[in-house]
Amino acid sequence: MPYPYFGVGFPSDTNLYLMLSLAEYVTATRDFGFLDKVLPFYPREDGKTGTVMDHMKLAWRHQIEDVGVGTNGLIKLRNSDWNDSFIAEEKSIDKNLALAQTEAEAQSVLNTAMATYILPRFADLIRAHGQADWANEVDAQAEKFREAVRGQWNGRWYNRALLPNGKAIGADRIYLSLQPWAILGGVPTAEEELILDDNLYHELSSRSPIGAVMRWPPVTIERLEKPGTATNGGVWYSLRFPLIMAYARQRPDYAWEEFTKMTNLAHAKPGQALGV
């Protein structure tokens, strides 16, 4: 069925962030009692309640069954997958892109890469709560997603998304958003990881004194963000934290340089704007 383009929407990443947030909170605080806390379901006026884990079971089913998985084994993109303007950008590039079909069938390598890192941590949390069968199901799905992302390796980096017509977005430009998650999720071989590290550094990190740019090269299209800004080659903190973690595995020198570029000191230096 077609989903709204903007407005109510059908994002494909929200459950993943919920799983990650819960796993990190409980792991850090050891507040396992929170998992049994009773909370209302939406809408509150219906009076229905459930434990945090009851809510999470619904979130899991929504991710797998409603958001769904595409023909290449990747999580479907729906109308946004972290980048709210992604489909709008692609529509600006390809005027013939069918929005309803794209929202129903396009696949997100980004969200699938995120899942390779998030789901094993969520599974550990479930297992600690005494639900081994569910944890095994989550772990098995994580491995399927890992294999699906491996299929998007183009020899330099991972493609960003697949459109319904089979076109791979990101084959001709590198997108930062998904690459670190693939590394952290154990997708690449050790050799591929080093290749990816070097391409991330030379194509994205080295282009700006204030940190890795979101993608390169940017595009110049009517009504799209100016090249070198926002999602069209700008700098985003939320993408650079996982990048630092990913670099640290085999290239700690890259990780340290990226970290120092994030500091307020680096951003306060005169002339530290990205030139495109």
C-alpha atoms as a PDB file:
ATOM      1  CA  MET A   1       0.000   0.000   0.000  1.00  0.00           C
ATOM      2  CA  PRO A   2       1.244   3.578  -0.551  1.00  0.00           C
ATOM      3  CA  TYR A   3       2.392   5.551   2.451  1.00  0.00           C
ATOM      4  CA  PRO A   4       2.227   9.314   3.045  1.00  0.00           C
ATOM      5  CA  TYR A   5       5.123  11.236   1.550  1.00  0.00           C
ATOM      6  CA  PHE A   6       5.266  13.853   4.269  1.00  0.00           C
ATOM      7  CA  GLY A   7       2.947  14.516   7.193  1.00  0.00           C
ATOM      8  CA  VAL A   8       1.922  11.445   9.207  1.00  0.00           C
ATOM      9  CA  GLY A   9       4.671   9.400   7.582  1.00  0.00           C
ATOM     10  CA  PHE A  10       5.991   5.894   8.040  1.00  0.00           C
ATOM     11  CA  PRO A  11       9.632   6.161   9.155  1.00  0.00           C
ATOM     12  CA  SER A  12      11.673   2.986   9.202  1.00  0.00           C
ATOM     13  CA  ASP A  13      14.281   3.798  11.852  1.00  0.00           C
ATOM     14  CA  THR A  14      12.358   4.707  15.022  1.00  0.00           C
ATOM     15  CA  ASN A  15      12.123   1.185  16.454  1.00  0.00           C
ATOM     16  CA  LEU A  16      15.853   0.659  15.958  1.00  0.00           C
ATOM     17  CA  TYR A  17      16.691   3.775  17.964  1.00  0.00           C
ATOM     18  CA  LEU A  18      14.253   2.636  20.660  1.00  0.00           C
ATOM     19  CA  MET A  19      15.972  -0.755  20.913  1.00  0.00           C
ATOM     20  CA  LEU A  20      19.399   0.870  21.063  1.00  0.00           C
ATOM     21  CA  SER A  21      18.342   3.410  23.698  1.00  0.00           C
ATOM     22  CA  LEU A  22      16.809   0.761  25.933  1.00  0.00           C
ATOM     23  CA  ALA A  23      19.794  -1.570  25.623  1.00  0.00           C
ATOM     24  CA  GLU A  24      22.256   1.219  26.397  1.00  0.00           C
ATOM     25  CA  TYR A  25      20.212   2.512  29.348  1.00  0.00           C
ATOM     26  CA  VAL A  26      19.829  -0.855  31.060  1.00  0.00           C
ATOM     27  CA  THR A  27      23.394  -1.935  30.301  1.00  0.00           C
ATOM     28  CA  ALA A  28      24.774   1.292  31.783  1.00  0.00           C
ATOM     29  CA  THR A  29      22.496   1.534  34.834  1.00  0.00           C
ATOM     30  CA  ARG A  30      21.761  -2.178  35.474  1.00  0.00           C
ATOM     31  CA  ASP A  31      18.165  -1.070  36.029  1.00  0.00           C
ATOM     32  CA  PHE A  32      16.617  -4.342  34.878  1.00  0.00           C
ATOM     33  CA  GLY A  33      13.519  -3.571  36.914  1.00  0.00           C
ATOM     34  CA  PHE A  34      12.657  -0.919  34.339  1.00  0.00           C
ATOM     35  CA  LEU A  35      11.905  -3.685  31.837  1.00  0.00           C
ATOM     36  CA  ASP A  36       8.929  -4.770  33.984  1.00  0.00           C
ATOM     37  CA  LYS A  37       7.603  -1.265  34.557  1.00  0.00           C
ATOM     38  CA  VAL A  38       3.974  -0.942  33.424  1.00  0.00           C
ATOM     39  CA  LEU A  39       3.322   1.882  30.972  1.00  0.00           C
ATOM     40  CA  PRO A  40       0.235   2.968  29.013  1.00  0.00           C
ATOM     41  CA  PHE A  41      -0.180   2.206  25.350  1.00  0.00           C
ATOM     42  CA  TYR A  42      -1.157   4.954  22.951  1.00  0.00           C
ATOM     43  CA  PRO A  43      -3.751   6.408  23.071  1.00  0.00           C
ATOM     44  CA  ARG A  44      -3.821   6.717  26.846  1.00  0.00           C
ATOM     45  CA  GLU A  45      -7.583   7.194  26.946  1.00  0.00           C
ATOM     46  CA  ASP A  46      -8.083   3.575  25.847  1.00  0.00           C
ATOM     47  CA  GLY A  47      -6.710   2.489  29.219  1.00  0.00           C
ATOM     48  CA  LYS A  48      -4.492  -0.305  27.863  1.00  0.00           C
ATOM     49  CA  THR A  49      -1.154  -0.916  29.570  1.00  0.00           C
ATOM     50  CA  GLY A  50       1.809  -3.260  29.331  1.00  0.00           C
ATOM     51  CA  THR A  51       5.321  -3.710  30.621  1.00  0.00           C
ATOM     52  CA  VAL A  52       8.254  -2.105  28.868  1.00  0.00           C
ATOM     53  CA  MET A  53       9.042  -5.502  27.369  1.00  0.00           C
ATOM     54  CA  ASP A  54       5.455  -5.819  26.121  1.00  0.00           C
ATOM     55  CA  HIS A  55       5.956  -2.501  24.354  1.00  0.00           C
ATOM     56  CA  MET A  56       9.256  -3.740  22.931  1.00  0.00           C
ATOM     57  CA  LYS A  57       7.672  -6.913  21.554  1.00  0.00           C
ATOM     58  CA  LEU A  58       5.261  -4.745  19.603  1.00  0.00           C
ATOM     59  CA  ALA A  59       8.137  -2.544  18.430  1.00  0.00           C
ATOM     60  CA  TRP A  60      10.023  -5.630  17.247  1.00  0.00           C
ATOM     61  CA  ARG A  61       7.028  -6.971  15.318  1.00  0.00           C
ATOM     62  CA  HIS A  62       6.353  -3.554  13.824  1.00  0.00           C
ATOM     63  CA  GLN A  63       9.954  -3.339  12.607  1.00  0.00           C
ATOM     64  CA  ILE A  64      10.005  -6.776  11.000  1.00  0.00           C
ATOM     65  CA  GLU A  65       6.416  -7.137   9.798  1.00  0.00           C
ATOM     66  CA  ASP A  66       5.099  -3.605   9.176  1.00  0.00           C
ATOM     67  CA  VAL A  67       8.220  -1.700   8.162  1.00  0.00           C
ATOM     68  CA  GLY A  68       9.271  -4.950   6.599  1.00  0.00           C
ATOM     69  CA  VAL A  69      12.134  -6.417   4.618  1.00  0.00           C
ATOM     70  CA  GLY A  70      12.619  -6.005   0.877  1.00  0.00           C
ATOM     71  CA  THR A  71      13.511  -8.430  -1.871  1.00  0.00           C
ATOM     72  CA  ASN A  72      17.254  -8.034  -1.225  1.00  0.00           C
ATOM     73  CA  GLY A  73      16.888  -8.803   2.468  1.00  0.00           C
ATOM     74  CA  LEU A  74      17.291  -5.152   3.472  1.00  0.00           C
ATOM     75  CA  ILE A  75      14.973  -3.176   5.730  1.00  0.00           C
ATOM     76  CA  LYS A  76      12.492  -1.195   3.678  1.00  0.00           C
ATOM     77  CA  LEU A  77      13.110   2.528   3.495  1.00  0.00           C
ATOM     78  CA  ARG A  78       9.448   3.611   3.705  1.00  0.00           C
ATOM     79  CA  ASN A  79       9.208   7.418   3.722  1.00  0.00           C
ATOM     80  CA  SER A  80      12.382   8.162   5.715  1.00  0.00           C
ATOM     81  CA  ASP A  81      15.285   6.256   7.236  1.00  0.00           C
ATOM     82  CA  TRP A  82      17.020   8.894   9.379  1.00  0.00           C
ATOM     83  CA  ASN A  83      17.346  11.318   6.486  1.00  0.00           C
ATOM     84  CA  ASP A  84      13.847  12.795   6.262  1.00  0.00           C
ATOM     85  CA  SER A  85      14.584  14.381   2.899  1.00  0.00           C
ATOM     86  CA  PHE A  86      16.181  11.364   1.217  1.00  0.00           C
ATOM     87  CA  ILE A  87      13.248  10.513  -1.052  1.00  0.00           C
ATOM     88  CA  ALA A  88      12.722  14.195  -1.873  1.00  0.00           C
ATOM     89  CA  GLU A  89      16.361  14.411  -2.909  1.00  0.00           C
ATOM     90  CA  GLU A  90      16.082  11.379  -5.156  1.00  0.00           C
ATOM     91  CA  LYS A  91      12.839  12.711  -6.657  1.00  0.00           C
ATOM     92  CA  SER A  92      14.669  15.953  -7.473  1.00  0.00           C
ATOM     93  CA  ILE A  93      17.347  13.951  -9.246  1.00  0.00           C
ATOM     94  CA  ASP A  94      14.958  11.566 -11.012  1.00  0.00           C
ATOM     95  CA  LYS A  95      11.674  13.251 -11.972  1.00  0.00           C
ATOM     96  CA  ASN A  96      10.209   9.878 -12.998  1.00  0.00           C
ATOM     97  CA  LEU A  97      10.644   8.351  -9.535  1.00  0.00           C
ATOM     98  CA  ALA A  98       7.283   6.975  -8.359  1.00  0.00           C
ATOM     99  CA  LEU A  99       6.861   8.112  -4.761  1.00  0.00           C
ATOM    100  CA  ALA A 100       4.267   5.569  -3.634  1.00  0.00           C
ATOM    101  CA  GLN A 101       6.237   2.677  -5.107  1.00  0.00           C
ATOM    102  CA  THR A 102       9.453   4.011  -3.628  1.00  0.00           C
ATOM    103  CA  GLU A 103       7.968   4.227  -0.143  1.00  0.00           C
ATOM    104  CA  ALA A 104       6.524   0.724  -0.467  1.00  0.00           C
ATOM    105  CA  GLU A 105       9.484  -1.071  -2.063  1.00  0.00           C
ATOM    106  CA  ALA A 106      12.761   0.892  -1.700  1.00  0.00           C
ATOM    107  CA  GLN A 107      15.309  -0.622   0.685  1.00  0.00           C
ATOM    108  CA  SER A 108      17.564   1.121   3.190  1.00  0.00           C
ATOM    109  CA  VAL A 109      21.120  -0.118   3.524  1.00  0.00           C
ATOM    110  CA  LEU A 110      21.498   2.488   6.287  1.00  0.00           C
ATOM    111  CA  ASN A 111      18.834   1.024   8.558  1.00  0.00           C
ATOM    112  CA  THR A 112      19.959  -2.513   7.808  1.00  0.00           C
ATOM    113  CA  ALA A 113      23.547  -1.623   8.721  1.00  0.00           C
ATOM    114  CA  MET A 114      22.293  -0.003  11.922  1.00  0.00           C
ATOM    115  CA  ALA A 115      20.410  -3.205  12.732  1.00  0.00           C
ATOM    116  CA  THR A 116      23.594  -5.303  12.489  1.00  0.00           C
ATOM    117  CA  TYR A 117      24.968  -3.349  15.446  1.00  0.00           C
ATOM    118  CA  ILE A 118      21.775  -2.715  17.418  1.00  0.00           C
ATOM    119  CA  LEU A 119      20.019  -6.089  17.275  1.00  0.00           C
ATOM    120  CA  PRO A 120      22.766  -8.154  18.982  1.00  0.00           C
ATOM    121  CA  ARG A 121      22.743  -5.694  21.884  1.00  0.00           C
ATOM    122  CA  PHE A 122      18.978  -5.831  22.066  1.00  0.00           C
ATOM    123  CA  ALA A 123      19.163  -9.644  21.974  1.00  0.00           C
ATOM    124  CA  ASP A 124      21.585  -9.654  24.918  1.00  0.00           C
ATOM    125  CA  LEU A 125      19.089  -7.553  26.868  1.00  0.00           C
ATOM    126  CA  ILE A 126      16.208  -9.895  26.023  1.00  0.00           C
ATOM    127  CA  ARG A 127      18.281 -12.933  26.967  1.00  0.00           C
ATOM    128  CA  ALA A 128      19.205 -11.372  30.322  1.00  0.00           C
ATOM    129  CA  HIS A 129      15.469 -10.884  30.886  1.00  0.00           C
ATOM    130  CA  GLY A 130      14.968 -14.642  30.503  1.00  0.00           C
ATOM    131  CA  GLN A 131      13.506 -14.741  26.976  1.00  0.00           C
ATOM    132  CA  ALA A 132      16.011 -16.913  25.152  1.00  0.00           C
ATOM    133  CA  ASP A 133      13.772 -17.881  22.221  1.00  0.00           C
ATOM    134  CA  TRP A 134      13.038 -14.270  21.347  1.00  0.00           C
ATOM    135  CA  ALA A 135      16.717 -13.355  21.767  1.00  0.00           C
ATOM    136  CA  ASN A 136      17.710 -16.145  19.380  1.00  0.00           C
ATOM    137  CA  GLU A 137      15.181 -14.864  16.837  1.00  0.00           C
ATOM    138  CA  VAL A 138      16.666 -11.367  17.050  1.00  0.00           C
ATOM    139  CA  ASP A 139      20.219 -12.684  16.714  1.00  0.00           C
ATOM    140  CA  ALA A 140      19.252 -14.766  13.682  1.00  0.00           C
ATOM    141  CA  GLN A 141      17.679 -11.735  12.023  1.00  0.00           C
ATOM    142  CA  ALA A 142      20.813  -9.702  12.719  1.00  0.00           C
ATOM    143  CA  GLU A 143      22.893 -12.266  10.835  1.00  0.00           C
ATOM    144  CA  LYS A 144      20.481 -12.165   7.878  1.00  0.00           C
ATOM    145  CA  PHE A 145      20.828  -8.390   7.799  1.00  0.00           C
ATOM    146  CA  ARG A 146      24.611  -8.721   7.956  1.00  0.00           C
ATOM    147  CA  GLU A 147      24.587 -10.887   4.838  1.00  0.00           C
ATOM    148  CA  ALA A 148      22.229  -8.472   3.078  1.00  0.00           C
ATOM    149  CA  VAL A 149      24.538  -5.522   3.731  1.00  0.00           C
ATOM    150  CA  ARG A 150      27.538  -7.528   2.508  1.00  0.00           C
ATOM    151  CA  GLY A 151      25.726  -7.761  -0.801  1.00  0.00           C
ATOM    152  CA  GLN A 152      25.884  -3.952  -1.095  1.00  0.00           C
ATOM    153  CA  TRP A 153      29.690  -3.719  -0.978  1.00  0.00           C
ATOM    154  CA  ASN A 154      30.854  -2.062  -4.198  1.00  0.00           C
ATOM    155  CA  GLY A 155      34.569  -2.468  -3.640  1.00  0.00           C
ATOM    156  CA  ARG A 156      35.010   0.971  -2.054  1.00  0.00           C
ATOM    157  CA  TRP A 157      32.082   1.387   0.329  1.00  0.00           C
ATOM    158  CA  TYR A 158      28.500   0.221   0.871  1.00  0.00           C
ATOM    159  CA  ASN A 159      25.676   1.499  -1.291  1.00  0.00           C
ATOM    160  CA  ARG A 160      23.215   3.799   0.488  1.00  0.00           C
ATOM    161  CA  ALA A 161      19.862   2.385  -0.680  1.00  0.00           C
ATOM    162  CA  LEU A 162      18.124   0.415  -3.410  1.00  0.00           C
ATOM    163  CA  LEU A 163      15.258   1.945  -5.392  1.00  0.00           C
ATOM    164  CA  PRO A 164      12.372  -0.160  -6.743  1.00  0.00           C
ATOM    165  CA  ASN A 165      13.938  -0.142 -10.220  1.00  0.00           C
ATOM    166  CA  GLY A 166      17.033  -1.813  -8.802  1.00  0.00           C
ATOM    167  CA  LYS A 167      19.195   1.310  -8.958  1.00  0.00           C
ATOM    168  CA  ALA A 168      21.777   1.409  -6.181  1.00  0.00           C
ATOM    169  CA  ILE A 169      22.022   4.854  -4.619  1.00  0.00           C
ATOM    170  CA  GLY A 170      25.567   5.505  -3.445  1.00  0.00           C
ATOM    171  CA  ALA A 171      27.434   3.586  -6.111  1.00  0.00           C
ATOM    172  CA  ASP A 172      28.851   6.880  -7.426  1.00  0.00           C
ATOM    173  CA  ARG A 173      29.129   8.823  -4.160  1.00  0.00           C
ATOM    174  CA  ILE A 174      29.948   7.859  -0.596  1.00  0.00           C
ATOM    175  CA  TYR A 175      27.383   8.430   2.153  1.00  0.00           C
ATOM    176  CA  LEU A 176      28.707   8.618   5.708  1.00  0.00           C
ATOM    177  CA  SER A 177      25.465   7.691   7.458  1.00  0.00           C
ATOM    178  CA  LEU A 178      25.622   3.915   7.052  1.00  0.00           C
ATOM    179  CA  GLN A 179      29.325   3.056   6.750  1.00  0.00           C
ATOM    180  CA  PRO A 180      30.296   3.170  10.470  1.00  0.00           C
ATOM    181  CA  TRP A 181      27.282   1.054  11.437  1.00  0.00           C
ATOM    182  CA  ALA A 182      28.354  -1.644   8.989  1.00  0.00           C
ATOM    183  CA  ILE A 183      31.831  -1.663  10.513  1.00  0.00           C
ATOM    184  CA  LEU A 184      30.492  -1.755  14.084  1.00  0.00           C
ATOM    185  CA  GLY A 185      28.047  -4.502  13.115  1.00  0.00           C
ATOM    186  CA  GLY A 186      30.850  -6.765  11.893  1.00  0.00           C
ATOM    187  CA  VAL A 187      29.835  -6.709   8.231  1.00  0.00           C
ATOM    188  CA  PRO A 188      33.144  -6.191   6.348  1.00  0.00           C
ATOM    189  CA  THR A 189      36.168  -8.438   6.339  1.00  0.00           C
ATOM    190  CA  ALA A 190      39.285  -7.002   7.993  1.00  0.00           C
ATOM    191  CA  GLU A 191      40.658  -6.085   4.553  1.00  0.00           C
ATOM    192  CA  GLU A 192      37.400  -4.449   3.447  1.00  0.00           C
ATOM    193  CA  GLU A 193      37.261  -2.525   6.714  1.00  0.00           C
ATOM    194  CA  LEU A 194      40.665  -0.972   6.057  1.00  0.00           C
ATOM    195  CA  ILE A 195      39.633  -0.058   2.516  1.00  0.00           C
ATOM    196  CA  LEU A 196      36.464   1.520   3.873  1.00  0.00           C
ATOM    197  CA  ASP A 197      38.359   3.366   6.620  1.00  0.00           C
ATOM    198  CA  ASP A 198      40.704   4.908   4.061  1.00  0.00           C
ATOM    199  CA  ASN A 199      37.880   5.909   1.725  1.00  0.00           C
ATOM    200  CA  LEU A 200      35.905   7.431   4.594  1.00  0.00           C
ATOM    201  CA  TYR A 201      38.954   9.385   5.676  1.00  0.00           C
ATOM    202  CA  HIS A 202      40.071  10.638   2.276  1.00  0.00           C
ATOM    203  CA  GLU A 203      36.610  11.226   0.787  1.00  0.00           C
ATOM    204  CA  LEU A 204      34.826  12.620   3.868  1.00  0.00           C
ATOM    205  CA  SER A 205      36.984  13.321   6.929  1.00  0.00           C
ATOM    206  CA  SER A 206      39.806  15.115   5.163  1.00  0.00           C
ATOM    207  CA  ARG A 207      37.502  17.531   3.329  1.00  0.00           C
ATOM    208  CA  SER A 208      36.584  19.601   6.362  1.00  0.00           C
ATOM    209  CA  PRO A 209      38.488  21.012   9.350  1.00  0.00           C
ATOM    210  CA  ILE A 210      35.379  20.532  11.513  1.00  0.00           C
ATOM    211  CA  GLY A 211      34.776  16.853  10.788  1.00  0.00           C
ATOM    212  CA  ALA A 212      33.627  14.363   8.204  1.00  0.00           C
ATOM    213  CA  VAL A 213      31.073  15.630   5.707  1.00  0.00           C
ATOM    214  CA  MET A 214      27.877  13.669   5.287  1.00  0.00           C
ATOM    215  CA  ARG A 215      28.427  12.648   1.646  1.00  0.00           C
ATOM    216  CA  TRP A 216      30.677  13.345  -1.313  1.00  0.00           C
ATOM    217  CA  PRO A 217      30.319  14.583  -3.915  1.00  0.00           C
ATOM    218  CA  PRO A 218      27.298  16.764  -3.157  1.00  0.00           C
ATOM    219  CA  VAL A 219      24.781  17.591  -5.854  1.00  0.00           C
ATOM    220  CA  THR A 220      23.440  20.862  -7.232  1.00  0.00           C
ATOM    221  CA  ILE A 221      19.706  20.560  -7.788  1.00  0.00           C
ATOM    222  CA  GLU A 222      16.825  23.025  -7.655  1.00  0.00           C
ATOM    223  CA  ARG A 223      15.178  23.218  -4.209  1.00  0.00           C
ATOM    224  CA  LEU A 224      17.836  20.964  -2.659  1.00  0.00           C
ATOM    225  CA  GLU A 225      20.169  22.113   0.101  1.00  0.00           C
ATOM    226  CA  LYS A 226      23.143  24.126  -1.090  1.00  0.00           C
ATOM    227  CA  PRO A 227      26.178  21.875  -1.717  1.00  0.00           C
ATOM    228  CA  GLY A 228      28.206  21.557   1.462  1.00  0.00           C
ATOM    229  CA  THR A 229      25.249  22.122   3.795  1.00  0.00           C
ATOM    230  CA  ALA A 230      22.784  19.964   5.711  1.00  0.00           C
ATOM    231  CA  THR A 231      22.373  16.489   4.204  1.00  0.00           C
ATOM    232  CA  ASN A 232      24.029  17.591   0.960  1.00  0.00           C
ATOM    233  CA  GLY A 233      27.593  17.420   2.221  1.00  0.00           C
ATOM    234  CA  GLY A 234      27.267  19.185   5.559  1.00  0.00           C
ATOM    235  CA  VAL A 235      28.651  18.060   8.940  1.00  0.00           C
ATOM    236  CA  TRP A 236      26.456  16.155  11.418  1.00  0.00           C
ATOM    237  CA  TYR A 237      27.453  15.271  14.999  1.00  0.00           C
ATOM    238  CA  SER A 238      25.099  12.283  15.139  1.00  0.00           C
ATOM    239  CA  LEU A 239      26.926  10.617  12.251  1.00  0.00           C
ATOM    240  CA  ARG A 240      30.416  11.270  13.524  1.00  0.00           C
ATOM    241  CA  PHE A 241      30.168   9.532  16.899  1.00  0.00           C
ATOM    242  CA  PRO A 242      29.710   6.090  15.293  1.00  0.00           C
ATOM    243  CA  LEU A 243      32.424   7.051  12.788  1.00  0.00           C
ATOM    244  CA  ILE A 244      34.901   7.636  15.616  1.00  0.00           C
ATOM    245  CA  MET A 245      33.955   4.284  17.158  1.00  0.00           C
ATOM    246  CA  ALA A 246      34.394   2.567  13.795  1.00  0.00           C
ATOM    247  CA  TYR A 247      37.749   4.209  13.049  1.00  0.00           C
ATOM    248  CA  ALA A 248      39.030   3.204  16.499  1.00  0.00           C
ATOM    249  CA  ARG A 249      38.875  -0.484  15.636  1.00  0.00           C
ATOM    250  CA  GLN A 250      41.765  -0.409  13.138  1.00  0.00           C
ATOM    251  CA  ARG A 251      42.685   3.234  12.586  1.00  0.00           C
ATOM    252  CA  PRO A 252      42.943   4.982  15.974  1.00  0.00           C
ATOM    253  CA  ASP A 253      44.842   7.844  14.299  1.00  0.00           C
ATOM    254  CA  TYR A 254      41.796   8.607  12.164  1.00  0.00           C
ATOM    255  CA  ALA A 255      39.570   8.293  15.234  1.00  0.00           C
ATOM    256  CA  TRP A 256      41.613  10.780  17.262  1.00  0.00           C
ATOM    257  CA  GLU A 257      41.734  13.307  14.435  1.00  0.00           C
ATOM    258  CA  GLU A 258      37.968  13.051  13.935  1.00  0.00           C
ATOM    259  CA  PHE A 259      37.388  13.448  17.666  1.00  0.00           C
ATOM    260  CA  THR A 260      39.521  16.579  17.902  1.00  0.00           C
ATOM    261  CA  LYS A 261      37.629  18.097  14.982  1.00  0.00           C
ATOM    262  CA  MET A 262      34.421  17.770  16.996  1.00  0.00           C
ATOM    263  CA  THR A 263      35.643  19.935  19.858  1.00  0.00           C
ATOM    264  CA  ASN A 264      34.361  23.449  20.433  1.00  0.00           C
ATOM    265  CA  LEU A 265      37.944  24.643  20.109  1.00  0.00           C
ATOM    266  CA  ALA A 266      38.154  23.319  16.551  1.00  0.00           C
ATOM    267  CA  HIS A 267      34.790  24.827  15.631  1.00  0.00           C
ATOM    268  CA  ALA A 268      35.708  28.213  17.131  1.00  0.00           C
ATOM    269  CA  LYS A 269      38.784  28.753  14.984  1.00  0.00           C
ATOM    270  CA  PRO A 270      38.383  31.466  12.351  1.00  0.00           C
ATOM    271  CA  GLY A 271      37.776  30.316   8.825  1.00  0.00           C
ATOM    272  CA  GLN A 272      36.758  26.785   9.769  1.00  0.00           C
ATOM    273  CA  ALA A 273      33.959  26.563   7.216  1.00  0.00           C
ATOM    274  CA  LEU A 274      33.697  23.866   4.609  1.00  0.00           C
ATOM    275  CA  GLY A 275      34.566  25.118   1.150  1.00  0.00           C
ATOM    276  CA  VAL A 276      32.864  23.348  -1.747  1.00  0.00           C
END
